[in-house]
Amino acid sequence: VPTVIHGRNFQFRNTAGLRGVALSF
């Protein structure tokens, strides 16, 4: 189930070793 977070001045990071893409639209 999705979790939605909103606010200001936050960051989150990827755990090492995962394959991924981050695409901008």
mmCIF file of all heavy atoms, coordinates in Angstrom:
data_MODEL
# 
_entry.id   MODEL 
# 
loop_
_atom_site.group_PDB 
_atom_site.id 
_atom_site.type_symbol 
_atom_site.label_atom_id 
_atom_site.label_alt_id 
_atom_site.label_comp_id 
_atom_site.label_asym_id 
_atom_site.label_entity_id 
_atom_site.label_seq_id 
_atom_site.pdbx_PDB_ins_code 
_atom_site.Cartn_x 
_atom_site.Cartn_y 
_atom_site.Cartn_z 
_atom_site.occupancy 
_atom_site.B_iso_or_equiv 
_atom_site.pdbx_formal_charge 
_atom_site.auth_seq_id 
_atom_site.auth_comp_id 
_atom_site.auth_asym_id 
_atom_site.auth_atom_id 
_atom_site.pdbx_PDB_model_num 
ATOM 1   N N   . VAL A 1 1  ? 0.870  -1.171 0.000   1.00 0.00 ? 1  VAL A N   1 
ATOM 2   C CA  . VAL A 1 1  ? 0.000  0.000  0.000   1.00 0.00 ? 1  VAL A CA  1 
ATOM 3   C C   . VAL A 1 1  ? 0.915  1.231  0.000   1.00 0.00 ? 1  VAL A C   1 
ATOM 4   O O   . VAL A 1 1  ? 1.925  1.258  0.713   1.00 0.00 ? 1  VAL A O   1 
ATOM 5   C CB  . VAL A 1 1  ? -0.894 -0.012 1.264   1.00 0.00 ? 1  VAL A CB  1 
ATOM 6   C CG1 . VAL A 1 1  ? -1.686 1.270  1.384   1.00 0.00 ? 1  VAL A CG1 1 
ATOM 7   C CG2 . VAL A 1 1  ? -1.794 -1.232 1.271   1.00 0.00 ? 1  VAL A CG2 1 
ATOM 8   N N   . PRO A 1 2  ? 0.611  2.259  -0.787  1.00 0.00 ? 2  PRO A N   1 
ATOM 9   C CA  . PRO A 1 2  ? 1.475  3.444  -0.827  1.00 0.00 ? 2  PRO A CA  1 
ATOM 10  C C   . PRO A 1 2  ? 1.503  4.202  0.505   1.00 0.00 ? 2  PRO A C   1 
ATOM 11  O O   . PRO A 1 2  ? 0.521  4.248  1.232   1.00 0.00 ? 2  PRO A O   1 
ATOM 12  C CB  . PRO A 1 2  ? 0.837  4.327  -1.903  1.00 0.00 ? 2  PRO A CB  1 
ATOM 13  C CG  . PRO A 1 2  ? -0.063 3.441  -2.675  1.00 0.00 ? 2  PRO A CG  1 
ATOM 14  C CD  . PRO A 1 2  ? -0.494 2.345  -1.747  1.00 0.00 ? 2  PRO A CD  1 
ATOM 15  N N   . THR A 1 3  ? 2.644  4.797  0.771   1.00 0.00 ? 3  THR A N   1 
ATOM 16  C CA  . THR A 1 3  ? 2.816  5.714  1.889   1.00 0.00 ? 3  THR A CA  1 
ATOM 17  C C   . THR A 1 3  ? 3.172  7.066  1.290   1.00 0.00 ? 3  THR A C   1 
ATOM 18  O O   . THR A 1 3  ? 4.103  7.162  0.492   1.00 0.00 ? 3  THR A O   1 
ATOM 19  C CB  . THR A 1 3  ? 3.961  5.256  2.817   1.00 0.00 ? 3  THR A CB  1 
ATOM 20  O OG1 . THR A 1 3  ? 3.625  3.983  3.353   1.00 0.00 ? 3  THR A OG1 1 
ATOM 21  C CG2 . THR A 1 3  ? 4.203  6.257  3.927   1.00 0.00 ? 3  THR A CG2 1 
ATOM 22  N N   . VAL A 1 4  ? 2.438  8.117  1.660   1.00 0.00 ? 4  VAL A N   1 
ATOM 23  C CA  . VAL A 1 4  ? 2.696  9.450  1.121   1.00 0.00 ? 4  VAL A CA  1 
ATOM 24  C C   . VAL A 1 4  ? 3.229  10.335 2.240   1.00 0.00 ? 4  VAL A C   1 
ATOM 25  O O   . VAL A 1 4  ? 2.669  10.379 3.335   1.00 0.00 ? 4  VAL A O   1 
ATOM 26  C CB  . VAL A 1 4  ? 1.419  10.079 0.509   1.00 0.00 ? 4  VAL A CB  1 
ATOM 27  C CG1 . VAL A 1 4  ? 1.737  11.443 -0.084  1.00 0.00 ? 4  VAL A CG1 1 
ATOM 28  C CG2 . VAL A 1 4  ? 0.832  9.167  -0.552  1.00 0.00 ? 4  VAL A CG2 1 
ATOM 29  N N   . ILE A 1 5  ? 4.309  11.033 1.928   1.00 0.00 ? 5  ILE A N   1 
ATOM 30  C CA  . ILE A 1 5  ? 4.948  11.941 2.880   1.00 0.00 ? 5  ILE A CA  1 
ATOM 31  C C   . ILE A 1 5  ? 5.032  13.302 2.217   1.00 0.00 ? 5  ILE A C   1 
ATOM 32  O O   . ILE A 1 5  ? 5.357  13.404 1.040   1.00 0.00 ? 5  ILE A O   1 
ATOM 33  C CB  . ILE A 1 5  ? 6.366  11.448 3.233   1.00 0.00 ? 5  ILE A CB  1 
ATOM 34  C CG1 . ILE A 1 5  ? 6.305  10.029 3.800   1.00 0.00 ? 5  ILE A CG1 1 
ATOM 35  C CG2 . ILE A 1 5  ? 7.061  12.417 4.179   1.00 0.00 ? 5  ILE A CG2 1 
ATOM 36  C CD1 . ILE A 1 5  ? 7.636  9.329  3.863   1.00 0.00 ? 5  ILE A CD1 1 
ATOM 37  N N   . HIS A 1 6  ? 4.730  14.352 2.970   1.00 0.00 ? 6  HIS A N   1 
ATOM 38  C CA  . HIS A 1 6  ? 4.886  15.696 2.419   1.00 0.00 ? 6  HIS A CA  1 
ATOM 39  C C   . HIS A 1 6  ? 5.470  16.599 3.488   1.00 0.00 ? 6  HIS A C   1 
ATOM 40  O O   . HIS A 1 6  ? 5.337  16.351 4.682   1.00 0.00 ? 6  HIS A O   1 
ATOM 41  C CB  . HIS A 1 6  ? 3.566  16.256 1.868   1.00 0.00 ? 6  HIS A CB  1 
ATOM 42  C CG  . HIS A 1 6  ? 2.564  16.623 2.905   1.00 0.00 ? 6  HIS A CG  1 
ATOM 43  N ND1 . HIS A 1 6  ? 2.409  17.900 3.368   1.00 0.00 ? 6  HIS A ND1 1 
ATOM 44  C CD2 . HIS A 1 6  ? 1.673  15.866 3.589   1.00 0.00 ? 6  HIS A CD2 1 
ATOM 45  C CE1 . HIS A 1 6  ? 1.446  17.923 4.272   1.00 0.00 ? 6  HIS A CE1 1 
ATOM 46  N NE2 . HIS A 1 6  ? 0.986  16.694 4.431   1.00 0.00 ? 6  HIS A NE2 1 
ATOM 47  N N   . GLY A 1 7  ? 6.155  17.629 3.032   1.00 0.00 ? 7  GLY A N   1 
ATOM 48  C CA  . GLY A 1 7  ? 6.757  18.554 3.974   1.00 0.00 ? 7  GLY A CA  1 
ATOM 49  C C   . GLY A 1 7  ? 7.844  19.368 3.322   1.00 0.00 ? 7  GLY A C   1 
ATOM 50  O O   . GLY A 1 7  ? 7.895  19.501 2.101   1.00 0.00 ? 7  GLY A O   1 
ATOM 51  N N   . ARG A 1 8  ? 8.741  19.876 4.144   1.00 0.00 ? 8  ARG A N   1 
ATOM 52  C CA  . ARG A 1 8  ? 9.825  20.747 3.672   1.00 0.00 ? 8  ARG A CA  1 
ATOM 53  C C   . ARG A 1 8  ? 11.179 20.176 4.097   1.00 0.00 ? 8  ARG A C   1 
ATOM 54  O O   . ARG A 1 8  ? 11.289 19.517 5.122   1.00 0.00 ? 8  ARG A O   1 
ATOM 55  C CB  . ARG A 1 8  ? 9.689  22.134 4.287   1.00 0.00 ? 8  ARG A CB  1 
ATOM 56  C CG  . ARG A 1 8  ? 8.445  22.864 3.882   1.00 0.00 ? 8  ARG A CG  1 
ATOM 57  C CD  . ARG A 1 8  ? 8.470  24.287 4.482   1.00 0.00 ? 8  ARG A CD  1 
ATOM 58  N NE  . ARG A 1 8  ? 7.297  25.018 4.077   1.00 0.00 ? 8  ARG A NE  1 
ATOM 59  C CZ  . ARG A 1 8  ? 7.149  25.606 2.898   1.00 0.00 ? 8  ARG A CZ  1 
ATOM 60  N NH1 . ARG A 1 8  ? 8.093  25.532 2.004   1.00 0.00 ? 8  ARG A NH1 1 
ATOM 61  N NH2 . ARG A 1 8  ? 6.046  26.263 2.612   1.00 0.00 ? 8  ARG A NH2 1 
ATOM 62  N N   . ASN A 1 9  ? 12.176 20.515 3.289   1.00 0.00 ? 9  ASN A N   1 
ATOM 63  C CA  . ASN A 1 9  ? 13.581 20.257 3.621   1.00 0.00 ? 9  ASN A CA  1 
ATOM 64  C C   . ASN A 1 9  ? 13.851 18.818 4.040   1.00 0.00 ? 9  ASN A C   1 
ATOM 65  O O   . ASN A 1 9  ? 14.344 18.562 5.132   1.00 0.00 ? 9  ASN A O   1 
ATOM 66  C CB  . ASN A 1 9  ? 14.042 21.219 4.720   1.00 0.00 ? 9  ASN A CB  1 
ATOM 67  C CG  . ASN A 1 9  ? 13.898 22.654 4.308   1.00 0.00 ? 9  ASN A CG  1 
ATOM 68  O OD1 . ASN A 1 9  ? 14.189 22.998 3.159   1.00 0.00 ? 9  ASN A OD1 1 
ATOM 69  N ND2 . ASN A 1 9  ? 13.422 23.482 5.206   1.00 0.00 ? 9  ASN A ND2 1 
ATOM 70  N N   . PHE A 1 10 ? 13.516 17.871 3.173   1.00 0.00 ? 10 PHE A N   1 
ATOM 71  C CA  . PHE A 1 10 ? 13.803 16.481 3.477   1.00 0.00 ? 10 PHE A CA  1 
ATOM 72  C C   . PHE A 1 10 ? 14.560 15.841 2.330   1.00 0.00 ? 10 PHE A C   1 
ATOM 73  O O   . PHE A 1 10 ? 14.543 16.323 1.210   1.00 0.00 ? 10 PHE A O   1 
ATOM 74  C CB  . PHE A 1 10 ? 12.526 15.690 3.791   1.00 0.00 ? 10 PHE A CB  1 
ATOM 75  C CG  . PHE A 1 10 ? 11.516 15.688 2.678   1.00 0.00 ? 10 PHE A CG  1 
ATOM 76  C CD1 . PHE A 1 10 ? 11.594 14.783 1.638   1.00 0.00 ? 10 PHE A CD1 1 
ATOM 77  C CD2 . PHE A 1 10 ? 10.460 16.588 2.680   1.00 0.00 ? 10 PHE A CD2 1 
ATOM 78  C CE1 . PHE A 1 10 ? 10.651 14.782 0.620   1.00 0.00 ? 10 PHE A CE1 1 
ATOM 79  C CE2 . PHE A 1 10 ? 9.514  16.599 1.667   1.00 0.00 ? 10 PHE A CE2 1 
ATOM 80  C CZ  . PHE A 1 10 ? 9.614  15.691 0.634   1.00 0.00 ? 10 PHE A CZ  1 
ATOM 81  N N   . GLN A 1 11 ? 15.249 14.753 2.651   1.00 0.00 ? 11 GLN A N   1 
ATOM 82  C CA  . GLN A 1 11 ? 15.959 13.948 1.675   1.00 0.00 ? 11 GLN A CA  1 
ATOM 83  C C   . GLN A 1 11 ? 15.723 12.488 2.020   1.00 0.00 ? 11 GLN A C   1 
ATOM 84  O O   . GLN A 1 11 ? 15.443 12.154 3.176   1.00 0.00 ? 11 GLN A O   1 
ATOM 85  C CB  . GLN A 1 11 ? 17.469 14.186 1.735   1.00 0.00 ? 11 GLN A CB  1 
ATOM 86  C CG  . GLN A 1 11 ? 17.937 15.469 1.139   1.00 0.00 ? 11 GLN A CG  1 
ATOM 87  C CD  . GLN A 1 11 ? 19.457 15.514 1.166   1.00 0.00 ? 11 GLN A CD  1 
ATOM 88  O OE1 . GLN A 1 11 ? 20.062 15.396 2.215   1.00 0.00 ? 11 GLN A OE1 1 
ATOM 89  N NE2 . GLN A 1 11 ? 20.041 15.676 0.006   1.00 0.00 ? 11 GLN A NE2 1 
ATOM 90  N N   . PHE A 1 12 ? 15.886 11.627 1.031   1.00 0.00 ? 12 PHE A N   1 
ATOM 91  C CA  . PHE A 1 12 ? 15.943 10.209 1.313   1.00 0.00 ? 12 PHE A CA  1 
ATOM 92  C C   . PHE A 1 12 ? 16.972 9.589  0.395   1.00 0.00 ? 12 PHE A C   1 
ATOM 93  O O   . PHE A 1 12 ? 17.318 10.163 -0.623  1.00 0.00 ? 12 PHE A O   1 
ATOM 94  C CB  . PHE A 1 12 ? 14.566 9.526  1.219   1.00 0.00 ? 12 PHE A CB  1 
ATOM 95  C CG  . PHE A 1 12 ? 13.875 9.665  -0.111  1.00 0.00 ? 12 PHE A CG  1 
ATOM 96  C CD1 . PHE A 1 12 ? 13.882 8.618  -1.015  1.00 0.00 ? 12 PHE A CD1 1 
ATOM 97  C CD2 . PHE A 1 12 ? 13.181 10.816 -0.442  1.00 0.00 ? 12 PHE A CD2 1 
ATOM 98  C CE1 . PHE A 1 12 ? 13.230 8.731  -2.229  1.00 0.00 ? 12 PHE A CE1 1 
ATOM 99  C CE2 . PHE A 1 12 ? 12.532 10.937 -1.645  1.00 0.00 ? 12 PHE A CE2 1 
ATOM 100 C CZ  . PHE A 1 12 ? 12.552 9.884  -2.542  1.00 0.00 ? 12 PHE A CZ  1 
ATOM 101 N N   . ARG A 1 13 ? 17.496 8.454  0.767   1.00 0.00 ? 13 ARG A N   1 
ATOM 102 C CA  . ARG A 1 13 ? 18.614 7.834  0.063   1.00 0.00 ? 13 ARG A CA  1 
ATOM 103 C C   . ARG A 1 13 ? 18.306 6.397  -0.310  1.00 0.00 ? 13 ARG A C   1 
ATOM 104 O O   . ARG A 1 13 ? 17.478 5.749  0.301   1.00 0.00 ? 13 ARG A O   1 
ATOM 105 C CB  . ARG A 1 13 ? 19.863 7.838  0.949   1.00 0.00 ? 13 ARG A CB  1 
ATOM 106 C CG  . ARG A 1 13 ? 20.355 9.201  1.276   1.00 0.00 ? 13 ARG A CG  1 
ATOM 107 C CD  . ARG A 1 13 ? 21.209 9.693  0.144   1.00 0.00 ? 13 ARG A CD  1 
ATOM 108 N NE  . ARG A 1 13 ? 21.704 11.018 0.467   1.00 0.00 ? 13 ARG A NE  1 
ATOM 109 C CZ  . ARG A 1 13 ? 21.616 12.038 -0.357  1.00 0.00 ? 13 ARG A CZ  1 
ATOM 110 N NH1 . ARG A 1 13 ? 21.083 11.903 -1.532  1.00 0.00 ? 13 ARG A NH1 1 
ATOM 111 N NH2 . ARG A 1 13 ? 22.077 13.206 -0.009  1.00 0.00 ? 13 ARG A NH2 1 
ATOM 112 N N   . ASN A 1 14 ? 19.087 5.889  -1.248  1.00 0.00 ? 14 ASN A N   1 
ATOM 113 C CA  . ASN A 1 14 ? 19.004 4.519  -1.712  1.00 0.00 ? 14 ASN A CA  1 
ATOM 114 C C   . ASN A 1 14 ? 19.917 3.631  -0.865  1.00 0.00 ? 14 ASN A C   1 
ATOM 115 O O   . ASN A 1 14 ? 21.003 4.041  -0.476  1.00 0.00 ? 14 ASN A O   1 
ATOM 116 C CB  . ASN A 1 14 ? 19.443 4.485  -3.187  1.00 0.00 ? 14 ASN A CB  1 
ATOM 117 C CG  . ASN A 1 14 ? 19.381 3.112  -3.762  1.00 0.00 ? 14 ASN A CG  1 
ATOM 118 O OD1 . ASN A 1 14 ? 18.538 2.311  -3.389  1.00 0.00 ? 14 ASN A OD1 1 
ATOM 119 N ND2 . ASN A 1 14 ? 20.276 2.828  -4.674  1.00 0.00 ? 14 ASN A ND2 1 
ATOM 120 N N   . THR A 1 15 ? 19.486 2.417  -0.591  1.00 0.00 ? 15 THR A N   1 
ATOM 121 C CA  . THR A 1 15 ? 20.331 1.434  0.053   1.00 0.00 ? 15 THR A CA  1 
ATOM 122 C C   . THR A 1 15 ? 21.327 0.933  -0.982  1.00 0.00 ? 15 THR A C   1 
ATOM 123 O O   . THR A 1 15 ? 20.977 0.710  -2.132  1.00 0.00 ? 15 THR A O   1 
ATOM 124 C CB  . THR A 1 15 ? 19.477 0.256  0.565   1.00 0.00 ? 15 THR A CB  1 
ATOM 125 O OG1 . THR A 1 15 ? 18.494 0.769  1.457   1.00 0.00 ? 15 THR A OG1 1 
ATOM 126 C CG2 . THR A 1 15 ? 20.326 -0.768 1.276   1.00 0.00 ? 15 THR A CG2 1 
ATOM 127 N N   . ALA A 1 16 ? 22.552 0.760  -0.599  1.00 0.00 ? 16 ALA A N   1 
ATOM 128 C CA  . ALA A 1 16 ? 23.597 0.318  -1.527  1.00 0.00 ? 16 ALA A CA  1 
ATOM 129 C C   . ALA A 1 16 ? 23.242 -1.016 -2.158  1.00 0.00 ? 16 ALA A C   1 
ATOM 130 O O   . ALA A 1 16 ? 22.617 -1.873 -1.543  1.00 0.00 ? 16 ALA A O   1 
ATOM 131 C CB  . ALA A 1 16 ? 24.920 0.208  -0.780  1.00 0.00 ? 16 ALA A CB  1 
ATOM 132 N N   . GLY A 1 17 ? 23.631 -1.183 -3.413  1.00 0.00 ? 17 GLY A N   1 
ATOM 133 C CA  . GLY A 1 17 ? 23.488 -2.462 -4.091  1.00 0.00 ? 17 GLY A CA  1 
ATOM 134 C C   . GLY A 1 17 ? 22.234 -2.618 -4.926  1.00 0.00 ? 17 GLY A C   1 
ATOM 135 O O   . GLY A 1 17 ? 22.104 -3.591 -5.650  1.00 0.00 ? 17 GLY A O   1 
ATOM 136 N N   . LEU A 1 18 ? 21.298 -1.704 -4.839  1.00 0.00 ? 18 LEU A N   1 
ATOM 137 C CA  . LEU A 1 18 ? 20.082 -1.832 -5.632  1.00 0.00 ? 18 LEU A CA  1 
ATOM 138 C C   . LEU A 1 18 ? 20.305 -1.281 -7.037  1.00 0.00 ? 18 LEU A C   1 
ATOM 139 O O   . LEU A 1 18 ? 21.023 -0.309 -7.227  1.00 0.00 ? 18 LEU A O   1 
ATOM 140 C CB  . LEU A 1 18 ? 18.922 -1.090 -4.964  1.00 0.00 ? 18 LEU A CB  1 
ATOM 141 C CG  . LEU A 1 18 ? 18.474 -1.640 -3.622  1.00 0.00 ? 18 LEU A CG  1 
ATOM 142 C CD1 . LEU A 1 18 ? 17.408 -0.744 -3.022  1.00 0.00 ? 18 LEU A CD1 1 
ATOM 143 C CD2 . LEU A 1 18 ? 17.964 -3.043 -3.755  1.00 0.00 ? 18 LEU A CD2 1 
ATOM 144 N N   . ARG A 1 19 ? 19.668 -1.910 -8.014  1.00 0.00 ? 19 ARG A N   1 
ATOM 145 C CA  . ARG A 1 19 ? 19.690 -1.404 -9.378  1.00 0.00 ? 19 ARG A CA  1 
ATOM 146 C C   . ARG A 1 19 ? 18.489 -0.497 -9.535  1.00 0.00 ? 19 ARG A C   1 
ATOM 147 O O   . ARG A 1 19 ? 17.391 -0.846 -9.118  1.00 0.00 ? 19 ARG A O   1 
ATOM 148 C CB  . ARG A 1 19 ? 19.601 -2.570 -10.359 1.00 0.00 ? 19 ARG A CB  1 
ATOM 149 C CG  . ARG A 1 19 ? 20.784 -3.497 -10.268 1.00 0.00 ? 19 ARG A CG  1 
ATOM 150 C CD  . ARG A 1 19 ? 20.524 -4.774 -11.073 1.00 0.00 ? 19 ARG A CD  1 
ATOM 151 N NE  . ARG A 1 19 ? 21.566 -5.732 -10.788 1.00 0.00 ? 19 ARG A NE  1 
ATOM 152 C CZ  . ARG A 1 19 ? 21.441 -6.751 -9.956  1.00 0.00 ? 19 ARG A CZ  1 
ATOM 153 N NH1 . ARG A 1 19 ? 20.308 -6.949 -9.340  1.00 0.00 ? 19 ARG A NH1 1 
ATOM 154 N NH2 . ARG A 1 19 ? 22.432 -7.566 -9.749  1.00 0.00 ? 19 ARG A NH2 1 
ATOM 155 N N   . GLY A 1 20 ? 18.684 0.642  -10.133 1.00 0.00 ? 20 GLY A N   1 
ATOM 156 C CA  . GLY A 1 20 ? 17.540 1.524  -10.234 1.00 0.00 ? 20 GLY A CA  1 
ATOM 157 C C   . GLY A 1 20 ? 17.709 2.614  -11.257 1.00 0.00 ? 20 GLY A C   1 
ATOM 158 O O   . GLY A 1 20 ? 18.781 2.789  -11.836 1.00 0.00 ? 20 GLY A O   1 
ATOM 159 N N   . VAL A 1 21 ? 16.604 3.307  -11.472 1.00 0.00 ? 21 VAL A N   1 
ATOM 160 C CA  . VAL A 1 21 ? 16.597 4.500  -12.311 1.00 0.00 ? 21 VAL A CA  1 
ATOM 161 C C   . VAL A 1 21 ? 15.795 5.570  -11.603 1.00 0.00 ? 21 VAL A C   1 
ATOM 162 O O   . VAL A 1 21 ? 14.850 5.281  -10.879 1.00 0.00 ? 21 VAL A O   1 
ATOM 163 C CB  . VAL A 1 21 ? 16.013 4.253  -13.722 1.00 0.00 ? 21 VAL A CB  1 
ATOM 164 C CG1 . VAL A 1 21 ? 16.883 3.310  -14.525 1.00 0.00 ? 21 VAL A CG1 1 
ATOM 165 C CG2 . VAL A 1 21 ? 14.588 3.771  -13.675 1.00 0.00 ? 21 VAL A CG2 1 
ATOM 166 N N   . ALA A 1 22 ? 16.216 6.800  -11.820 1.00 0.00 ? 22 ALA A N   1 
ATOM 167 C CA  . ALA A 1 22 ? 15.508 7.973  -11.318 1.00 0.00 ? 22 ALA A CA  1 
ATOM 168 C C   . ALA A 1 22 ? 15.253 8.840  -12.540 1.00 0.00 ? 22 ALA A C   1 
ATOM 169 O O   . ALA A 1 22 ? 16.186 9.391  -13.115 1.00 0.00 ? 22 ALA A O   1 
ATOM 170 C CB  . ALA A 1 22 ? 16.346 8.700  -10.290 1.00 0.00 ? 22 ALA A CB  1 
ATOM 171 N N   . LEU A 1 23 ? 13.985 8.904  -12.963 1.00 0.00 ? 23 LEU A N   1 
ATOM 172 C CA  . LEU A 1 23 ? 13.638 9.608  -14.188 1.00 0.00 ? 23 LEU A CA  1 
ATOM 173 C C   . LEU A 1 23 ? 12.843 10.862 -13.896 1.00 0.00 ? 23 LEU A C   1 
ATOM 174 O O   . LEU A 1 23 ? 11.977 10.873 -13.030 1.00 0.00 ? 23 LEU A O   1 
ATOM 175 C CB  . LEU A 1 23 ? 12.829 8.692  -15.106 1.00 0.00 ? 23 LEU A CB  1 
ATOM 176 C CG  . LEU A 1 23 ? 13.482 7.361  -15.459 1.00 0.00 ? 23 LEU A CG  1 
ATOM 177 C CD1 . LEU A 1 23 ? 12.568 6.559  -16.371 1.00 0.00 ? 23 LEU A CD1 1 
ATOM 178 C CD2 . LEU A 1 23 ? 14.845 7.552  -16.075 1.00 0.00 ? 23 LEU A CD2 1 
ATOM 179 N N   . SER A 1 24 ? 13.131 11.888 -14.643 1.00 0.00 ? 24 SER A N   1 
ATOM 180 C CA  . SER A 1 24 ? 12.448 13.167 -14.506 1.00 0.00 ? 24 SER A CA  1 
ATOM 181 C C   . SER A 1 24 ? 11.482 13.341 -15.676 1.00 0.00 ? 24 SER A C   1 
ATOM 182 O O   . SER A 1 24 ? 11.804 13.005 -16.810 1.00 0.00 ? 24 SER A O   1 
ATOM 183 C CB  . SER A 1 24 ? 13.497 14.285 -14.502 1.00 0.00 ? 24 SER A CB  1 
ATOM 184 O OG  . SER A 1 24 ? 12.894 15.528 -14.343 1.00 0.00 ? 24 SER A OG  1 
ATOM 185 N N   . PHE A 1 25 ? 10.302 13.871 -15.364 1.00 0.00 ? 25 PHE A N   1 
ATOM 186 C CA  . PHE A 1 25 ? 9.267  14.124 -16.359 1.00 0.00 ? 25 PHE A CA  1 
ATOM 187 C C   . PHE A 1 25 ? 8.723  15.529 -16.133 1.00 0.00 ? 25 PHE A C   1 
ATOM 188 O O   . PHE A 1 25 ? 8.899  16.102 -15.061 1.00 0.00 ? 25 PHE A O   1 
ATOM 189 C CB  . PHE A 1 25 ? 8.106  13.134 -16.212 1.00 0.00 ? 25 PHE A CB  1 
ATOM 190 C CG  . PHE A 1 25 ? 8.479  11.704 -16.431 1.00 0.00 ? 25 PHE A CG  1 
ATOM 191 C CD1 . PHE A 1 25 ? 8.934  10.914 -15.380 1.00 0.00 ? 25 PHE A CD1 1 
ATOM 192 C CD2 . PHE A 1 25 ? 8.373  11.130 -17.687 1.00 0.00 ? 25 PHE A CD2 1 
ATOM 193 C CE1 . PHE A 1 25 ? 9.272  9.594  -15.576 1.00 0.00 ? 25 PHE A CE1 1 
ATOM 194 C CE2 . PHE A 1 25 ? 8.706  9.806  -17.891 1.00 0.00 ? 25 PHE A CE2 1 
ATOM 195 C CZ  . PHE A 1 25 ? 9.158  9.031  -16.837 1.00 0.00 ? 25 PHE A CZ  1 
# 
